[in-house]
Amino acid sequence: MTSRFLTPANQITLLRLAFIPVFAILEVEGDYGWALAILVITILSDFADGVLARVLRQESVLGIALDPIADKLLMATAFLLLAYRGALPWWITILVLSRDVAVILTTLLISLIAGYRPFRPSLLGKVSTFFQMATILVAVNAQAHVSAATLVSVRVGVYFTLGFTVASGIHYLVTLQTRAGQEPSGESAVGNRESGRGSR
């Protein structure tokens, strides 16, 4: 049980989840240097758990579920706090969170109506996540005054985030709509075929 679910990669993901409230506390307290350090560690752990899972061939259902949850919780927390602190505009925070809520609700609705369909992040979605994370990093870096990050670099990150967030959101919704018309996999598909036989 332990080796199957609490793999090294999953343990790193759980540690990343634990770092989120630490980052939030540091950001609220205005300790931007430590907040930046925790953010960098958290982002590096995101790459580490994926690489470790592939190298050790220990990809699991738990890991596939936890990884995007950790990413979304980190980004939601960071965008909200940075907007509150004035480091990022509220409109980009609302846009990013609204896009995620729309995708999640659409996925759940399709799953309830048409049955579960496995859906892995697209390349466009990964690029969108990259720019969202990069924008957060640049904004916290500007708060900490560690480098020459300026309002211009933050603004550039915001507009890249805007473009890829909108594009990936549209892509996800179109793809989900396409998946909704496909035959459900696994037991749902078997059940539908059996009921079809019964009706004939």
C-alpha atoms as a PDB file:
ATOM      1  CA  MET A   1       0.000   0.000   0.000  1.00  0.00           C
ATOM      2  CA  THR A   2       2.710   2.472   1.052  1.00  0.00           C
ATOM      3  CA  SER A   3       5.012   1.702  -1.873  1.00  0.00           C
ATOM      4  CA  ARG A   4       2.139   1.969  -4.322  1.00  0.00           C
ATOM      5  CA  PHE A   5       0.672   5.290  -3.196  1.00  0.00           C
ATOM      6  CA  LEU A   6       3.368   7.071  -1.175  1.00  0.00           C
ATOM      7  CA  THR A   7       6.032   6.849  -3.846  1.00  0.00           C
ATOM      8  CA  PRO A   8       9.000   9.265  -3.645  1.00  0.00           C
ATOM      9  CA  ALA A   9       7.366  11.423  -6.340  1.00  0.00           C
ATOM     10  CA  ASN A  10       4.060  11.556  -4.454  1.00  0.00           C
ATOM     11  CA  GLN A  11       5.872  12.444  -1.228  1.00  0.00           C
ATOM     12  CA  ILE A  12       7.492  15.405  -2.994  1.00  0.00           C
ATOM     13  CA  THR A  13       4.059  16.491  -4.268  1.00  0.00           C
ATOM     14  CA  LEU A  14       2.633  16.292  -0.742  1.00  0.00           C
ATOM     15  CA  LEU A  15       5.587  18.346   0.505  1.00  0.00           C
ATOM     16  CA  ARG A  16       4.783  20.910  -2.182  1.00  0.00           C
ATOM     17  CA  LEU A  17       1.224  21.121  -0.845  1.00  0.00           C
ATOM     18  CA  ALA A  18       2.628  21.703   2.652  1.00  0.00           C
ATOM     19  CA  PHE A  19       4.792  24.578   1.355  1.00  0.00           C
ATOM     20  CA  ILE A  20       1.750  26.507   0.048  1.00  0.00           C
ATOM     21  CA  PRO A  21       0.518  27.781   3.465  1.00  0.00           C
ATOM     22  CA  VAL A  22       4.135  28.573   4.396  1.00  0.00           C
ATOM     23  CA  PHE A  23       4.443  30.728   1.274  1.00  0.00           C
ATOM     24  CA  ALA A  24       1.091  32.375   2.065  1.00  0.00           C
ATOM     25  CA  ILE A  25       2.127  33.248   5.630  1.00  0.00           C
ATOM     26  CA  LEU A  26       5.439  34.727   4.478  1.00  0.00           C
ATOM     27  CA  GLU A  27       3.689  36.772   1.774  1.00  0.00           C
ATOM     28  CA  VAL A  28       1.093  38.096   4.229  1.00  0.00           C
ATOM     29  CA  GLU A  29       3.825  38.997   6.727  1.00  0.00           C
ATOM     30  CA  GLY A  30       5.737  40.832   4.011  1.00  0.00           C
ATOM     31  CA  ASP A  31       8.792  38.589   4.305  1.00  0.00           C
ATOM     32  CA  TYR A  32       9.287  38.581   0.546  1.00  0.00           C
ATOM     33  CA  GLY A  33      12.816  37.184   0.513  1.00  0.00           C
ATOM     34  CA  TRP A  34      11.781  33.973   2.261  1.00  0.00           C
ATOM     35  CA  ALA A  35       8.542  33.876   0.280  1.00  0.00           C
ATOM     36  CA  LEU A  36      10.626  33.937  -2.910  1.00  0.00           C
ATOM     37  CA  ALA A  37      12.890  31.153  -1.583  1.00  0.00           C
ATOM     38  CA  ILE A  38       9.909  28.930  -0.706  1.00  0.00           C
ATOM     39  CA  LEU A  39       8.323  29.680  -4.089  1.00  0.00           C
ATOM     40  CA  VAL A  40      11.501  28.652  -5.937  1.00  0.00           C
ATOM     41  CA  ILE A  41      11.743  25.414  -3.916  1.00  0.00           C
ATOM     42  CA  THR A  42       8.076  24.696  -4.621  1.00  0.00           C
ATOM     43  CA  ILE A  43       8.472  25.244  -8.368  1.00  0.00           C
ATOM     44  CA  LEU A  44      11.624  23.079  -8.478  1.00  0.00           C
ATOM     45  CA  SER A  45       9.786  20.318  -6.617  1.00  0.00           C
ATOM     46  CA  ASP A  46       7.114  20.416  -9.328  1.00  0.00           C
ATOM     47  CA  PHE A  47       9.739  19.461 -11.913  1.00  0.00           C
ATOM     48  CA  ALA A  48      11.421  16.983  -9.557  1.00  0.00           C
ATOM     49  CA  ASP A  49       8.348  14.869  -8.816  1.00  0.00           C
ATOM     50  CA  GLY A  50       7.494  14.480 -12.503  1.00  0.00           C
ATOM     51  CA  VAL A  51      11.041  13.494 -13.467  1.00  0.00           C
ATOM     52  CA  LEU A  52      11.306  11.102 -10.512  1.00  0.00           C
ATOM     53  CA  ALA A  53       8.009   9.408 -11.349  1.00  0.00           C
ATOM     54  CA  ARG A  54       9.116   8.823 -14.944  1.00  0.00           C
ATOM     55  CA  VAL A  55      12.661   7.696 -14.085  1.00  0.00           C
ATOM     56  CA  LEU A  56      11.471   5.246 -11.411  1.00  0.00           C
ATOM     57  CA  ARG A  57       8.432   4.279 -13.485  1.00  0.00           C
ATOM     58  CA  GLN A  58       6.179   4.990 -10.514  1.00  0.00           C
ATOM     59  CA  GLU A  59       3.482   7.101 -12.142  1.00  0.00           C
ATOM     60  CA  SER A  60       0.267   6.536 -10.193  1.00  0.00           C
ATOM     61  CA  VAL A  61      -3.367   7.591 -10.227  1.00  0.00           C
ATOM     62  CA  LEU A  62      -2.741   9.469  -6.955  1.00  0.00           C
ATOM     63  CA  GLY A  63       0.199  11.338  -8.461  1.00  0.00           C
ATOM     64  CA  ILE A  64      -1.710  12.243 -11.616  1.00  0.00           C
ATOM     65  CA  ALA A  65      -4.508  13.671  -9.445  1.00  0.00           C
ATOM     66  CA  LEU A  66      -2.322  15.396  -6.825  1.00  0.00           C
ATOM     67  CA  ASP A  67       0.095  17.154  -9.180  1.00  0.00           C
ATOM     68  CA  PRO A  68      -2.413  19.484 -10.903  1.00  0.00           C
ATOM     69  CA  ILE A  69      -4.212  20.056  -7.575  1.00  0.00           C
ATOM     70  CA  ALA A  70      -0.947  21.239  -6.017  1.00  0.00           C
ATOM     71  CA  ASP A  71      -0.243  23.471  -9.030  1.00  0.00           C
ATOM     72  CA  LYS A  72      -3.711  25.046  -8.978  1.00  0.00           C
ATOM     73  CA  LEU A  73      -3.686  25.614  -5.211  1.00  0.00           C
ATOM     74  CA  LEU A  74      -0.269  27.266  -5.400  1.00  0.00           C
ATOM     75  CA  MET A  75      -1.252  29.511  -8.296  1.00  0.00           C
ATOM     76  CA  ALA A  76      -4.635  30.437  -6.823  1.00  0.00           C
ATOM     77  CA  THR A  77      -3.003  31.313  -3.479  1.00  0.00           C
ATOM     78  CA  ALA A  78      -0.185  33.263  -5.114  1.00  0.00           C
ATOM     79  CA  PHE A  79      -2.376  35.207  -7.564  1.00  0.00           C
ATOM     80  CA  LEU A  80      -4.845  36.185  -4.827  1.00  0.00           C
ATOM     81  CA  LEU A  81      -2.132  37.309  -2.405  1.00  0.00           C
ATOM     82  CA  LEU A  82      -0.129  39.157  -5.062  1.00  0.00           C
ATOM     83  CA  ALA A  83      -3.252  40.941  -6.274  1.00  0.00           C
ATOM     84  CA  TYR A  84      -4.106  41.860  -2.683  1.00  0.00           C
ATOM     85  CA  ARG A  85      -0.586  43.228  -2.221  1.00  0.00           C
ATOM     86  CA  GLY A  86      -0.824  45.194  -5.478  1.00  0.00           C
ATOM     87  CA  ALA A  87       2.004  43.226  -7.114  1.00  0.00           C
ATOM     88  CA  LEU A  88      -0.349  41.928  -9.823  1.00  0.00           C
ATOM     89  CA  PRO A  89      -3.545  43.439 -11.240  1.00  0.00           C
ATOM     90  CA  TRP A  90      -6.831  41.974 -10.009  1.00  0.00           C
ATOM     91  CA  TRP A  91      -8.112  41.434 -13.543  1.00  0.00           C
ATOM     92  CA  ILE A  92      -5.433  38.844 -14.395  1.00  0.00           C
ATOM     93  CA  THR A  93      -6.103  37.043 -11.102  1.00  0.00           C
ATOM     94  CA  ILE A  94      -9.840  36.923 -11.812  1.00  0.00           C
ATOM     95  CA  LEU A  95      -9.180  35.731 -15.378  1.00  0.00           C
ATOM     96  CA  VAL A  96      -6.837  32.900 -14.323  1.00  0.00           C
ATOM     97  CA  LEU A  97      -9.128  31.685 -11.543  1.00  0.00           C
ATOM     98  CA  SER A  98     -12.262  31.965 -13.695  1.00  0.00           C
ATOM     99  CA  ARG A  99     -10.645  29.920 -16.451  1.00  0.00           C
ATOM    100  CA  ASP A 100      -9.707  27.156 -14.016  1.00  0.00           C
ATOM    101  CA  VAL A 101     -13.161  27.113 -12.424  1.00  0.00           C
ATOM    102  CA  ALA A 102     -14.820  26.971 -15.865  1.00  0.00           C
ATOM    103  CA  VAL A 103     -12.649  24.040 -16.977  1.00  0.00           C
ATOM    104  CA  ILE A 104     -13.176  22.123 -13.722  1.00  0.00           C
ATOM    105  CA  LEU A 105     -16.952  22.622 -13.730  1.00  0.00           C
ATOM    106  CA  THR A 106     -17.214  21.670 -17.408  1.00  0.00           C
ATOM    107  CA  THR A 107     -15.145  18.532 -16.825  1.00  0.00           C
ATOM    108  CA  LEU A 108     -17.298  17.503 -13.850  1.00  0.00           C
ATOM    109  CA  LEU A 109     -20.509  18.179 -15.765  1.00  0.00           C
ATOM    110  CA  ILE A 110     -19.390  16.072 -18.725  1.00  0.00           C
ATOM    111  CA  SER A 111     -18.252  13.283 -16.394  1.00  0.00           C
ATOM    112  CA  LEU A 112     -21.625  13.256 -14.627  1.00  0.00           C
ATOM    113  CA  ILE A 113     -23.637  13.270 -17.840  1.00  0.00           C
ATOM    114  CA  ALA A 114     -21.556  11.163 -20.200  1.00  0.00           C
ATOM    115  CA  GLY A 115     -19.221   9.183 -17.932  1.00  0.00           C
ATOM    116  CA  TYR A 116     -15.601   9.629 -16.931  1.00  0.00           C
ATOM    117  CA  ARG A 117     -13.050  10.447 -19.616  1.00  0.00           C
ATOM    118  CA  PRO A 118      -9.334  10.597 -18.792  1.00  0.00           C
ATOM    119  CA  PHE A 119      -7.954  13.983 -19.781  1.00  0.00           C
ATOM    120  CA  ARG A 120      -4.278  14.853 -19.592  1.00  0.00           C
ATOM    121  CA  PRO A 121      -3.027  18.450 -19.808  1.00  0.00           C
ATOM    122  CA  SER A 122      -2.369  19.659 -23.345  1.00  0.00           C
ATOM    123  CA  LEU A 123       0.856  21.301 -24.514  1.00  0.00           C
ATOM    124  CA  LEU A 124      -0.958  24.635 -24.643  1.00  0.00           C
ATOM    125  CA  GLY A 125      -2.150  24.103 -21.069  1.00  0.00           C
ATOM    126  CA  LYS A 126       1.394  23.359 -19.915  1.00  0.00           C
ATOM    127  CA  VAL A 127       2.699  26.506 -21.628  1.00  0.00           C
ATOM    128  CA  SER A 128      -0.071  28.506 -19.951  1.00  0.00           C
ATOM    129  CA  THR A 129       0.896  27.061 -16.554  1.00  0.00           C
ATOM    130  CA  PHE A 130       4.558  27.894 -17.240  1.00  0.00           C
ATOM    131  CA  PHE A 131       3.791  31.567 -17.921  1.00  0.00           C
ATOM    132  CA  GLN A 132       1.475  31.782 -14.911  1.00  0.00           C
ATOM    133  CA  MET A 133       4.227  30.394 -12.672  1.00  0.00           C
ATOM    134  CA  ALA A 134       6.821  32.662 -14.306  1.00  0.00           C
ATOM    135  CA  THR A 135       4.626  35.716 -13.737  1.00  0.00           C
ATOM    136  CA  ILE A 136       4.195  34.817 -10.063  1.00  0.00           C
ATOM    137  CA  LEU A 137       7.956  34.317  -9.716  1.00  0.00           C
ATOM    138  CA  VAL A 138       8.779  37.657 -11.363  1.00  0.00           C
ATOM    139  CA  ALA A 139       6.207  39.476  -9.204  1.00  0.00           C
ATOM    140  CA  VAL A 140       7.546  38.018  -5.936  1.00  0.00           C
ATOM    141  CA  ASN A 141      11.079  38.689  -7.158  1.00  0.00           C
ATOM    142  CA  ALA A 142      10.126  42.329  -7.713  1.00  0.00           C
ATOM    143  CA  GLN A 143       8.669  42.449  -4.185  1.00  0.00           C
ATOM    144  CA  ALA A 144      11.878  41.034  -2.709  1.00  0.00           C
ATOM    145  CA  HIS A 145      14.103  43.392  -4.748  1.00  0.00           C
ATOM    146  CA  VAL A 146      16.542  40.535  -5.312  1.00  0.00           C
ATOM    147  CA  SER A 147      17.293  41.411  -8.937  1.00  0.00           C
ATOM    148  CA  ALA A 148      16.525  44.110 -11.468  1.00  0.00           C
ATOM    149  CA  ALA A 149      12.992  42.821 -12.052  1.00  0.00           C
ATOM    150  CA  THR A 150      10.874  45.856 -12.878  1.00  0.00           C
ATOM    151  CA  LEU A 151       7.252  46.714 -13.450  1.00  0.00           C
ATOM    152  CA  VAL A 152       7.923  46.265 -17.172  1.00  0.00           C
ATOM    153  CA  SER A 153       8.962  42.614 -16.730  1.00  0.00           C
ATOM    154  CA  VAL A 154       5.933  41.968 -14.530  1.00  0.00           C
ATOM    155  CA  ARG A 155       3.669  43.567 -17.141  1.00  0.00           C
ATOM    156  CA  VAL A 156       5.201  41.440 -19.910  1.00  0.00           C
ATOM    157  CA  GLY A 157       4.572  38.322 -17.834  1.00  0.00           C
ATOM    158  CA  VAL A 158       0.984  39.402 -17.192  1.00  0.00           C
ATOM    159  CA  TYR A 159       0.229  39.811 -20.900  1.00  0.00           C
ATOM    160  CA  PHE A 160       1.847  36.499 -21.821  1.00  0.00           C
ATOM    161  CA  THR A 161      -0.258  34.933 -19.075  1.00  0.00           C
ATOM    162  CA  LEU A 162      -3.353  36.631 -20.491  1.00  0.00           C
ATOM    163  CA  GLY A 163      -2.793  35.303 -24.010  1.00  0.00           C
ATOM    164  CA  PHE A 164      -1.972  31.713 -23.095  1.00  0.00           C
ATOM    165  CA  THR A 165      -4.633  31.494 -20.370  1.00  0.00           C
ATOM    166  CA  VAL A 166      -7.382  32.531 -22.790  1.00  0.00           C
ATOM    167  CA  ALA A 167      -6.030  30.317 -25.595  1.00  0.00           C
ATOM    168  CA  SER A 168      -5.656  27.236 -23.374  1.00  0.00           C
ATOM    169  CA  GLY A 169      -9.075  27.813 -21.810  1.00  0.00           C
ATOM    170  CA  ILE A 170     -10.760  27.850 -25.220  1.00  0.00           C
ATOM    171  CA  HIS A 171      -8.744  24.800 -26.286  1.00  0.00           C
ATOM    172  CA  TYR A 172      -9.730  22.845 -23.164  1.00  0.00           C
ATOM    173  CA  LEU A 173     -13.418  23.646 -23.556  1.00  0.00           C
ATOM    174  CA  VAL A 174     -13.411  22.658 -27.245  1.00  0.00           C
ATOM    175  CA  THR A 175     -11.518  19.439 -26.462  1.00  0.00           C
ATOM    176  CA  LEU A 176     -13.849  18.587 -23.579  1.00  0.00           C
ATOM    177  CA  GLN A 177     -16.860  19.148 -25.803  1.00  0.00           C
ATOM    178  CA  THR A 178     -15.323  16.785 -28.370  1.00  0.00           C
ATOM    179  CA  ARG A 179     -14.618  14.168 -25.683  1.00  0.00           C
ATOM    180  CA  ALA A 180     -18.225  14.413 -24.506  1.00  0.00           C
ATOM    181  CA  GLY A 181     -19.378  12.939 -27.800  1.00  0.00           C
ATOM    182  CA  GLN A 182     -17.005   9.971 -27.591  1.00  0.00           C
ATOM    183  CA  GLU A 183     -17.800   6.516 -26.205  1.00  0.00           C
ATOM    184  CA  PRO A 184     -16.983   6.437 -22.487  1.00  0.00           C
ATOM    185  CA  SER A 185     -14.181   4.100 -21.450  1.00  0.00           C
ATOM    186  CA  GLY A 186     -14.143   1.203 -19.012  1.00  0.00           C
ATOM    187  CA  GLU A 187     -17.211   0.052 -17.165  1.00  0.00           C
ATOM    188  CA  SER A 188     -19.392   2.915 -18.414  1.00  0.00           C
ATOM    189  CA  ALA A 189     -18.844   1.837 -22.003  1.00  0.00           C
ATOM    190  CA  VAL A 190     -19.557  -1.798 -21.120  1.00  0.00           C
ATOM    191  CA  GLY A 191     -22.713  -0.790 -19.285  1.00  0.00           C
ATOM    192  CA  ASN A 192     -23.926   1.248 -22.249  1.00  0.00           C
ATOM    193  CA  ARG A 193     -23.317  -1.644 -24.637  1.00  0.00           C
ATOM    194  CA  GLU A 194     -25.143  -4.061 -22.343  1.00  0.00           C
ATOM    195  CA  SER A 195     -28.154  -1.755 -22.013  1.00  0.00           C
ATOM    196  CA  GLY A 196     -28.149  -1.358 -25.783  1.00  0.00           C
ATOM    197  CA  ARG A 197     -28.327  -5.118 -26.225  1.00  0.00           C
ATOM    198  CA  GLY A 198     -31.162  -5.333 -23.723  1.00  0.00           C
ATOM    199  CA  SER A 199     -33.238  -2.757 -25.544  1.00  0.00           C
ATOM    200  CA  ARG A 200     -32.950  -4.670 -28.775  1.00  0.00           C
END
